[in-house]
Amino acid sequence: MPLINPPLTKEDFINSRWQDVVNSSERKECSAYNRAFWNKAQEAKEAGNVREQSVFEILAFVTGAAIKPESTDEFFAEVFQNLTDEHLNFLTEIASEVSDPELQARIADILWVKKQQQQIQESNPWVKFDGIFKDDPLFDDFVENMAANRRELDAEVAAYEASLEENQSV
């Protein structure tokens, strides 16, 4: 999803006539809205309306995931990781304008999970380094060398403590 300059606004959302998609849908659920939002995005693209295209692309992206009651925060984080701060600001701005309960709940869930992620990252400065070595072929060797070094140090400490006990008993 490309970013728009200036960023999308609530007015862009309202002017897109997004509710026509929701109102014309037989099933009132996100999975039913998804294809219609993608079609509207394509129509807007063909018409050269970049702002409307972006509104519908974001709505299609938001409604595209098959969320189940057992979906975890990690699931949300992975599925919606491509949402930028600009997208999240847009979703925050439009959330109160969405009259469809399912779509409003989806937006609220996404915003809540993303906010929790930001709080975790801000509270723990080391979080940003999570997984930085996941694709490094030498990382497993490094971890094994660290473990071997730790075992060696533990053995030295145990031997030292044993010698102290031995000297105290003499």
Protein backbone atom coordinates (compact mmCIF):
# COMPACT_ATOMS: atom_id res chain seq x y z
CA MET A 1 0.00 0.00 0.00
CA PRO A 2 1.69 3.18 -1.12
CA LEU A 3 1.67 6.18 1.14
CA ILE A 4 -0.23 9.28 0.05
CA ASN A 5 0.99 12.84 0.40
CA PRO A 6 -0.74 14.55 2.07
CA PRO A 7 -1.94 11.61 4.21
CA LEU A 8 -5.49 10.31 3.91
CA THR A 9 -8.12 12.01 6.04
CA LYS A 10 -11.56 11.26 7.40
CA GLU A 11 -12.96 13.37 4.54
CA ASP A 12 -11.26 11.09 2.00
CA PHE A 13 -12.91 8.16 3.74
CA ILE A 14 -16.36 9.76 3.75
CA ASN A 15 -16.03 10.95 0.14
CA SER A 16 -15.09 7.46 -1.02
CA ARG A 17 -18.66 6.27 -0.45
CA TRP A 18 -17.31 3.19 1.32
CA GLN A 19 -20.73 2.60 2.88
CA ASP A 20 -22.15 1.75 -0.54
CA VAL A 21 -19.93 -1.34 -0.46
CA VAL A 22 -21.12 -2.34 3.00
CA ASN A 23 -24.78 -1.57 2.26
CA SER A 24 -24.76 -3.57 -0.99
CA SER A 25 -23.20 -6.62 0.61
CA GLU A 26 -25.63 -9.48 1.32
CA ARG A 27 -23.47 -10.80 4.16
CA LYS A 28 -22.51 -8.21 6.73
CA GLU A 29 -19.01 -9.47 7.49
CA CYS A 30 -15.47 -8.44 6.65
CA SER A 31 -14.78 -11.40 4.38
CA ALA A 32 -17.72 -10.35 2.19
CA TYR A 33 -16.56 -6.74 2.04
CA ASN A 34 -13.00 -7.62 1.09
CA ARG A 35 -13.53 -8.47 -2.60
CA ALA A 36 -15.84 -5.48 -3.10
CA PHE A 37 -13.26 -3.13 -1.55
CA TRP A 38 -10.56 -4.52 -3.89
CA ASN A 39 -12.89 -4.03 -6.87
CA LYS A 40 -13.57 -0.42 -5.81
CA ALA A 41 -9.82 0.16 -5.43
CA GLN A 42 -9.31 -1.11 -8.98
CA GLU A 43 -12.11 1.13 -10.30
CA ALA A 44 -10.58 4.15 -8.55
CA LYS A 45 -7.17 3.28 -9.98
CA GLU A 46 -8.58 3.09 -13.51
CA ALA A 47 -10.29 6.44 -12.95
CA GLY A 48 -7.01 7.95 -11.71
CA ASN A 49 -8.40 8.70 -8.24
CA VAL A 50 -5.35 7.86 -6.12
CA ARG A 51 -6.85 8.96 -2.79
CA GLU A 52 -10.00 6.88 -3.24
CA GLN A 53 -7.90 3.96 -4.45
CA SER A 54 -5.82 4.17 -1.28
CA VAL A 55 -8.89 4.29 0.97
CA PHE A 56 -10.26 1.13 -0.62
CA GLU A 57 -6.88 -0.63 -0.60
CA ILE A 58 -6.56 -0.05 3.13
CA LEU A 59 -10.13 -1.24 3.74
CA ALA A 60 -9.49 -4.31 1.58
CA PHE A 61 -6.27 -5.04 3.47
CA VAL A 62 -8.02 -4.65 6.84
CA THR A 63 -10.90 -6.94 5.85
CA GLY A 64 -8.75 -9.54 4.09
CA ALA A 65 -7.46 -11.58 7.03
CA ALA A 66 -9.48 -14.56 8.19
CA ILE A 67 -9.60 -13.73 11.89
CA LYS A 68 -10.99 -16.37 14.21
CA PRO A 69 -11.89 -16.15 17.90
CA GLU A 70 -8.68 -18.03 18.75
CA SER A 71 -6.48 -15.60 16.78
CA THR A 72 -3.68 -14.30 18.97
CA ASP A 73 -1.98 -10.93 19.22
CA GLU A 74 0.95 -12.52 17.39
CA PHE A 75 -1.37 -13.41 14.52
CA PHE A 76 -2.56 -9.80 14.31
CA ALA A 77 1.01 -8.54 14.51
CA GLU A 78 2.14 -10.75 11.65
CA VAL A 79 -0.86 -10.19 9.38
CA PHE A 80 -0.99 -6.43 9.88
CA GLN A 81 2.74 -5.74 10.14
CA ASN A 82 2.71 -3.75 6.87
CA LEU A 83 0.41 -1.09 8.27
CA THR A 84 2.46 2.06 8.70
CA ASP A 85 1.94 4.77 11.29
CA GLU A 86 0.22 6.76 8.54
CA HIS A 87 -2.22 3.91 7.92
CA LEU A 88 -2.84 3.51 11.64
CA ASN A 89 -3.47 7.24 12.03
CA PHE A 90 -5.99 7.04 9.20
CA LEU A 91 -7.72 4.03 10.79
CA THR A 92 -7.80 5.85 14.14
CA GLU A 93 -9.41 8.86 12.48
CA ILE A 94 -12.11 6.85 10.69
CA ALA A 95 -12.94 4.29 13.40
CA SER A 96 -15.71 6.40 14.90
CA GLU A 97 -17.20 7.01 11.43
CA VAL A 98 -17.64 3.31 10.68
CA SER A 99 -21.23 2.33 11.35
CA ASP A 100 -20.88 -1.35 10.49
CA PRO A 101 -20.20 -3.23 13.76
CA GLU A 102 -18.03 -5.95 12.19
CA LEU A 103 -15.82 -3.51 10.30
CA GLN A 104 -15.58 -1.16 13.27
CA ALA A 105 -14.59 -4.08 15.54
CA ARG A 106 -11.93 -5.20 13.05
CA ILE A 107 -10.42 -1.72 12.92
CA ALA A 108 -10.54 -1.42 16.72
CA ASP A 109 -8.85 -4.82 17.14
CA ILE A 110 -6.05 -3.87 14.77
CA LEU A 111 -5.50 -0.54 16.49
CA TRP A 112 -5.49 -2.15 19.94
CA VAL A 113 -2.94 -4.83 19.00
CA LYS A 114 -0.67 -2.36 17.21
CA LYS A 115 -0.83 0.00 20.21
CA GLN A 116 0.13 -2.88 22.53
CA GLN A 117 3.08 -3.71 20.26
CA GLN A 118 4.26 -0.10 20.34
CA GLN A 119 4.01 -0.02 24.14
CA ILE A 120 6.07 -3.20 24.42
CA GLN A 121 8.71 -1.84 22.06
CA GLU A 122 8.87 1.47 23.89
CA SER A 123 9.08 -0.16 27.33
CA ASN A 124 11.86 -2.57 26.40
CA PRO A 125 14.65 -1.14 24.23
CA TRP A 126 15.96 -4.65 23.44
CA VAL A 127 12.76 -5.70 21.65
CA LYS A 128 13.93 -4.02 18.45
CA PHE A 129 16.75 -6.56 18.27
CA ASP A 130 14.47 -9.61 18.45
CA GLY A 131 15.20 -11.97 15.59
CA ILE A 132 18.04 -10.00 14.00
CA PHE A 133 20.13 -13.18 13.67
CA LYS A 134 17.33 -15.50 12.53
CA ASP A 135 18.80 -15.86 9.02
CA ASP A 136 22.46 -15.91 10.06
CA PRO A 137 23.90 -19.37 9.26
CA LEU A 138 26.64 -18.91 11.89
CA PHE A 139 24.29 -18.03 14.74
CA ASP A 140 23.70 -21.64 15.86
CA ASP A 141 27.48 -22.16 16.06
CA PHE A 142 27.80 -18.94 18.06
CA VAL A 143 25.11 -20.07 20.53
CA GLU A 144 26.77 -23.48 20.92
CA ASN A 145 30.17 -21.84 21.54
CA MET A 146 28.57 -19.61 24.18
CA ALA A 147 26.99 -22.66 25.84
CA ALA A 148 30.31 -24.54 25.79
CA ASN A 149 32.06 -21.50 27.31
CA ARG A 150 29.37 -21.32 30.01
CA ARG A 151 29.82 -25.02 30.83
CA GLU A 152 33.58 -24.49 31.04
CA LEU A 153 33.17 -21.54 33.42
CA ASP A 154 30.64 -23.45 35.52
CA ALA A 155 33.10 -26.36 35.80
CA GLU A 156 35.89 -23.97 36.89
CA VAL A 157 33.65 -22.37 39.52
CA ALA A 158 32.55 -25.79 40.79
CA ALA A 159 36.18 -26.94 41.03
CA TYR A 160 37.14 -23.73 42.85
CA GLU A 161 34.26 -24.10 45.32
CA ALA A 162 35.20 -27.75 45.90
CA SER A 163 38.79 -26.75 46.64
CA LEU A 164 37.56 -24.10 49.11
CA GLU A 165 35.44 -26.68 50.93
CA GLU A 166 38.38 -29.08 50.97
CA ASN A 167 40.70 -26.43 52.43
CA GLN A 168 38.13 -25.49 55.10
CA SER A 169 37.71 -29.07 56.22
CA VAL A 170 41.48 -29.54 56.70
